[in-house]
């Protein structure tokens, strides 16, 4: 929701990629989806690309004989390639979310890629009540 709100505030096109969807495709499809999303963002700039559950494709690299693991790594390498293709004046921003920052490949988090981290802790009881109030305001709830 935060990424969508940022896009609305900045009047940017909002594009969402879901990490698990990028690894459940045929060989090469994950990398193609990443490439296509960045091409569309350049065409529709200003744009925000939101990658949910980044850990699905952004885990630390390792040698593997499994085709599925290699496909995940191909998708991540395409993401790294696209992140490196930005110019400072490009009107494209990438926001990613993960619950598992500890498993992310350090290459994703290096300077110039996804190098700013914002931790959003769980809301306290008052904040949870307010969130419920906001999301249920149009419902007939007593």
C-alpha atoms as a PDB file:
ATOM      1  CA  UNK A   1       0.000   0.000   0.000  1.00  0.00           C
ATOM      2  CA  UNK A   2       2.865   2.358   0.733  1.00  0.00           C
ATOM      3  CA  UNK A   3       4.319   1.997  -2.770  1.00  0.00           C
ATOM      4  CA  UNK A   4       0.916   2.638  -4.343  1.00  0.00           C
ATOM      5  CA  UNK A   5       0.491   5.732  -2.141  1.00  0.00           C
ATOM      6  CA  UNK A   6       3.928   7.022  -3.191  1.00  0.00           C
ATOM      7  CA  UNK A   7       2.947   6.562  -6.837  1.00  0.00           C
ATOM      8  CA  UNK A   8      -0.321   8.432  -6.297  1.00  0.00           C
ATOM      9  CA  UNK A   9       1.397  11.275  -4.412  1.00  0.00           C
ATOM     10  CA  UNK A  10       4.009  11.697  -7.138  1.00  0.00           C
ATOM     11  CA  UNK A  11       1.518  11.211  -9.993  1.00  0.00           C
ATOM     12  CA  UNK A  12       3.566   8.262 -11.230  1.00  0.00           C
ATOM     13  CA  UNK A  13       2.501   5.142 -13.079  1.00  0.00           C
ATOM     14  CA  UNK A  14       2.386   2.195 -10.663  1.00  0.00           C
ATOM     15  CA  UNK A  15       3.679  -1.187 -11.841  1.00  0.00           C
ATOM     16  CA  UNK A  16       3.655  -4.198  -9.532  1.00  0.00           C
ATOM     17  CA  UNK A  17       5.713  -7.357  -9.837  1.00  0.00           C
ATOM     18  CA  UNK A  18       5.128 -10.197  -7.382  1.00  0.00           C
ATOM     19  CA  UNK A  19       8.251 -12.229  -6.666  1.00  0.00           C
ATOM     20  CA  UNK A  20       6.504 -15.628  -6.478  1.00  0.00           C
ATOM     21  CA  UNK A  21       4.837 -15.067  -9.866  1.00  0.00           C
ATOM     22  CA  UNK A  22       8.238 -14.465 -11.426  1.00  0.00           C
ATOM     23  CA  UNK A  23       9.444 -17.944 -10.466  1.00  0.00           C
ATOM     24  CA  UNK A  24       6.358 -19.949 -11.408  1.00  0.00           C
ATOM     25  CA  UNK A  25       6.753 -19.351 -15.102  1.00  0.00           C
ATOM     26  CA  UNK A  26       8.370 -21.249 -17.932  1.00  0.00           C
ATOM     27  CA  UNK A  27      12.122 -20.946 -18.389  1.00  0.00           C
ATOM     28  CA  UNK A  28      12.983 -17.385 -19.344  1.00  0.00           C
ATOM     29  CA  UNK A  29       9.557 -15.949 -18.516  1.00  0.00           C
ATOM     30  CA  UNK A  30      10.603 -14.408 -15.186  1.00  0.00           C
ATOM     31  CA  UNK A  31      13.495 -12.504 -16.758  1.00  0.00           C
ATOM     32  CA  UNK A  32      11.248 -11.411 -19.643  1.00  0.00           C
ATOM     33  CA  UNK A  33       8.600 -10.082 -17.235  1.00  0.00           C
ATOM     34  CA  UNK A  34      11.268  -8.052 -15.420  1.00  0.00           C
ATOM     35  CA  UNK A  35      12.603  -6.685 -18.725  1.00  0.00           C
ATOM     36  CA  UNK A  36       9.098  -5.852 -19.968  1.00  0.00           C
ATOM     37  CA  UNK A  37       8.157  -4.095 -16.710  1.00  0.00           C
ATOM     38  CA  UNK A  38      11.213  -1.847 -16.884  1.00  0.00           C
ATOM     39  CA  UNK A  39      10.566  -1.102 -20.574  1.00  0.00           C
ATOM     40  CA  UNK A  40       6.961  -0.167 -19.770  1.00  0.00           C
ATOM     41  CA  UNK A  41       8.118   2.006 -16.853  1.00  0.00           C
ATOM     42  CA  UNK A  42      10.469   3.901 -19.180  1.00  0.00           C
ATOM     43  CA  UNK A  43       7.627   4.375 -21.656  1.00  0.00           C
ATOM     44  CA  UNK A  44       5.145   5.532 -18.976  1.00  0.00           C
ATOM     45  CA  UNK A  45       7.585   7.573 -16.842  1.00  0.00           C
ATOM     46  CA  UNK A  46       7.384   8.900 -14.270  1.00  0.00           C
ATOM     47  CA  UNK A  47       6.851   5.420 -12.854  1.00  0.00           C
ATOM     48  CA  UNK A  48       7.277   3.362  -9.736  1.00  0.00           C
ATOM     49  CA  UNK A  49       7.989  -0.344 -10.010  1.00  0.00           C
ATOM     50  CA  UNK A  50       6.991  -2.217  -6.867  1.00  0.00           C
ATOM     51  CA  UNK A  51       8.462  -5.689  -6.362  1.00  0.00           C
ATOM     52  CA  UNK A  52       6.589  -7.542  -3.636  1.00  0.00           C
ATOM     53  CA  UNK A  53       8.264 -10.467  -1.875  1.00  0.00           C
ATOM     54  CA  UNK A  54      11.651  -9.695  -3.400  1.00  0.00           C
ATOM     55  CA  UNK A  55      13.144 -12.632  -1.497  1.00  0.00           C
ATOM     56  CA  UNK A  56      11.388 -15.017  -3.934  1.00  0.00           C
ATOM     57  CA  UNK A  57      13.881 -14.025  -6.655  1.00  0.00           C
ATOM     58  CA  UNK A  58      16.582 -12.161  -4.742  1.00  0.00           C
ATOM     59  CA  UNK A  59      18.179 -14.816  -2.568  1.00  0.00           C
ATOM     60  CA  UNK A  60      21.923 -15.192  -2.236  1.00  0.00           C
ATOM     61  CA  UNK A  61      23.392 -16.961  -5.241  1.00  0.00           C
ATOM     62  CA  UNK A  62      24.779 -20.472  -5.025  1.00  0.00           C
ATOM     63  CA  UNK A  63      25.758 -23.239  -7.410  1.00  0.00           C
ATOM     64  CA  UNK A  64      22.798 -25.454  -8.198  1.00  0.00           C
ATOM     65  CA  UNK A  65      21.998 -28.206 -10.637  1.00  0.00           C
ATOM     66  CA  UNK A  66      18.244 -27.659 -10.310  1.00  0.00           C
ATOM     67  CA  UNK A  67      16.604 -25.937 -13.276  1.00  0.00           C
ATOM     68  CA  UNK A  68      14.221 -24.062 -10.965  1.00  0.00           C
ATOM     69  CA  UNK A  69      17.083 -22.577  -8.953  1.00  0.00           C
ATOM     70  CA  UNK A  70      18.892 -21.549 -12.133  1.00  0.00           C
ATOM     71  CA  UNK A  71      15.712 -19.872 -13.415  1.00  0.00           C
ATOM     72  CA  UNK A  72      15.385 -17.868 -10.181  1.00  0.00           C
ATOM     73  CA  UNK A  73      19.004 -16.785 -10.569  1.00  0.00           C
ATOM     74  CA  UNK A  74      18.417 -15.787 -14.222  1.00  0.00           C
ATOM     75  CA  UNK A  75      15.477 -13.643 -13.141  1.00  0.00           C
ATOM     76  CA  UNK A  76      17.548 -11.985 -10.420  1.00  0.00           C
ATOM     77  CA  UNK A  77      20.424 -11.341 -12.839  1.00  0.00           C
ATOM     78  CA  UNK A  78      17.974  -9.625 -15.199  1.00  0.00           C
ATOM     79  CA  UNK A  79      16.728  -7.497 -12.299  1.00  0.00           C
ATOM     80  CA  UNK A  80      20.324  -6.520 -11.455  1.00  0.00           C
ATOM     81  CA  UNK A  81      20.925  -5.674 -15.109  1.00  0.00           C
ATOM     82  CA  UNK A  82      17.809  -3.481 -15.242  1.00  0.00           C
ATOM     83  CA  UNK A  83      18.692  -1.728 -11.970  1.00  0.00           C
ATOM     84  CA  UNK A  84      22.123  -0.922 -13.399  1.00  0.00           C
ATOM     85  CA  UNK A  85      20.545   0.557 -16.539  1.00  0.00           C
ATOM     86  CA  UNK A  86      19.139   3.637 -14.824  1.00  0.00           C
ATOM     87  CA  UNK A  87      20.435   7.125 -15.382  1.00  0.00           C
ATOM     88  CA  UNK A  88      20.209   9.623 -12.502  1.00  0.00           C
ATOM     89  CA  UNK A  89      17.661  11.684 -14.426  1.00  0.00           C
ATOM     90  CA  UNK A  90      15.384   8.717 -15.209  1.00  0.00           C
ATOM     91  CA  UNK A  91      11.967   9.165 -13.714  1.00  0.00           C
ATOM     92  CA  UNK A  92      11.731   5.551 -12.599  1.00  0.00           C
ATOM     93  CA  UNK A  93      11.960   4.444  -8.991  1.00  0.00           C
ATOM     94  CA  UNK A  94      11.986   0.896  -7.684  1.00  0.00           C
ATOM     95  CA  UNK A  95      10.478  -0.040  -4.336  1.00  0.00           C
ATOM     96  CA  UNK A  96      10.738  -3.595  -3.055  1.00  0.00           C
ATOM     97  CA  UNK A  97       9.297  -5.363  -0.042  1.00  0.00           C
ATOM     98  CA  UNK A  98      10.515  -8.405   1.837  1.00  0.00           C
ATOM     99  CA  UNK A  99      10.068 -10.085   5.179  1.00  0.00           C
ATOM    100  CA  UNK A 100      13.436 -11.804   4.724  1.00  0.00           C
ATOM    101  CA  UNK A 101      16.115  -9.151   4.199  1.00  0.00           C
ATOM    102  CA  UNK A 102      18.622 -11.595   5.698  1.00  0.00           C
ATOM    103  CA  UNK A 103      18.436 -13.904   2.651  1.00  0.00           C
ATOM    104  CA  UNK A 104      18.796 -11.216  -0.029  1.00  0.00           C
ATOM    105  CA  UNK A 105      21.845 -11.247  -2.254  1.00  0.00           C
ATOM    106  CA  UNK A 106      24.186  -8.388  -1.252  1.00  0.00           C
ATOM    107  CA  UNK A 107      24.423  -7.422  -4.934  1.00  0.00           C
ATOM    108  CA  UNK A 108      20.795  -6.239  -4.793  1.00  0.00           C
ATOM    109  CA  UNK A 109      21.482  -3.983  -1.820  1.00  0.00           C
ATOM    110  CA  UNK A 110      24.644  -2.310  -3.016  1.00  0.00           C
ATOM    111  CA  UNK A 111      24.875   1.394  -3.778  1.00  0.00           C
ATOM    112  CA  UNK A 112      22.900   2.473  -6.822  1.00  0.00           C
ATOM    113  CA  UNK A 113      20.501  -0.459  -6.741  1.00  0.00           C
ATOM    114  CA  UNK A 114      18.151  -1.072  -3.809  1.00  0.00           C
ATOM    115  CA  UNK A 115      20.347   0.755  -1.347  1.00  0.00           C
ATOM    116  CA  UNK A 116      17.845   2.490   0.942  1.00  0.00           C
ATOM    117  CA  UNK A 117      16.133   0.429   3.593  1.00  0.00           C
ATOM    118  CA  UNK A 118      13.013   1.496   5.448  1.00  0.00           C
ATOM    119  CA  UNK A 119      11.830  -0.827   8.184  1.00  0.00           C
ATOM    120  CA  UNK A 120       8.113  -0.832   8.860  1.00  0.00           C
ATOM    121  CA  UNK A 121       7.562  -2.475  12.252  1.00  0.00           C
ATOM    122  CA  UNK A 122       4.287  -4.110  13.215  1.00  0.00           C
ATOM    123  CA  UNK A 123       1.709  -1.539  14.314  1.00  0.00           C
ATOM    124  CA  UNK A 124       0.897  -1.225  18.004  1.00  0.00           C
ATOM    125  CA  UNK A 125      -2.617  -1.826  19.333  1.00  0.00           C
ATOM    126  CA  UNK A 126      -3.796   1.760  18.772  1.00  0.00           C
ATOM    127  CA  UNK A 127      -2.465   1.784  15.222  1.00  0.00           C
ATOM    128  CA  UNK A 128      -4.125  -1.581  14.478  1.00  0.00           C
ATOM    129  CA  UNK A 129      -7.447  -0.235  15.760  1.00  0.00           C
ATOM    130  CA  UNK A 130      -7.087   2.838  13.529  1.00  0.00           C
ATOM    131  CA  UNK A 131      -6.235   0.671  10.508  1.00  0.00           C
ATOM    132  CA  UNK A 132      -9.332  -1.459  11.134  1.00  0.00           C
ATOM    133  CA  UNK A 133     -11.405   1.703  11.494  1.00  0.00           C
ATOM    134  CA  UNK A 134     -10.173   3.062   8.162  1.00  0.00           C
ATOM    135  CA  UNK A 135     -10.729  -0.182   6.254  1.00  0.00           C
ATOM    136  CA  UNK A 136     -14.136  -0.886   7.743  1.00  0.00           C
ATOM    137  CA  UNK A 137     -15.619   2.616   7.605  1.00  0.00           C
ATOM    138  CA  UNK A 138     -17.909   1.768   4.661  1.00  0.00           C
ATOM    139  CA  UNK A 139     -19.041  -1.498   6.230  1.00  0.00           C
ATOM    140  CA  UNK A 140     -21.993  -1.931   8.535  1.00  0.00           C
ATOM    141  CA  UNK A 141     -19.926  -3.092  11.522  1.00  0.00           C
ATOM    142  CA  UNK A 142     -20.859  -2.565  15.171  1.00  0.00           C
END
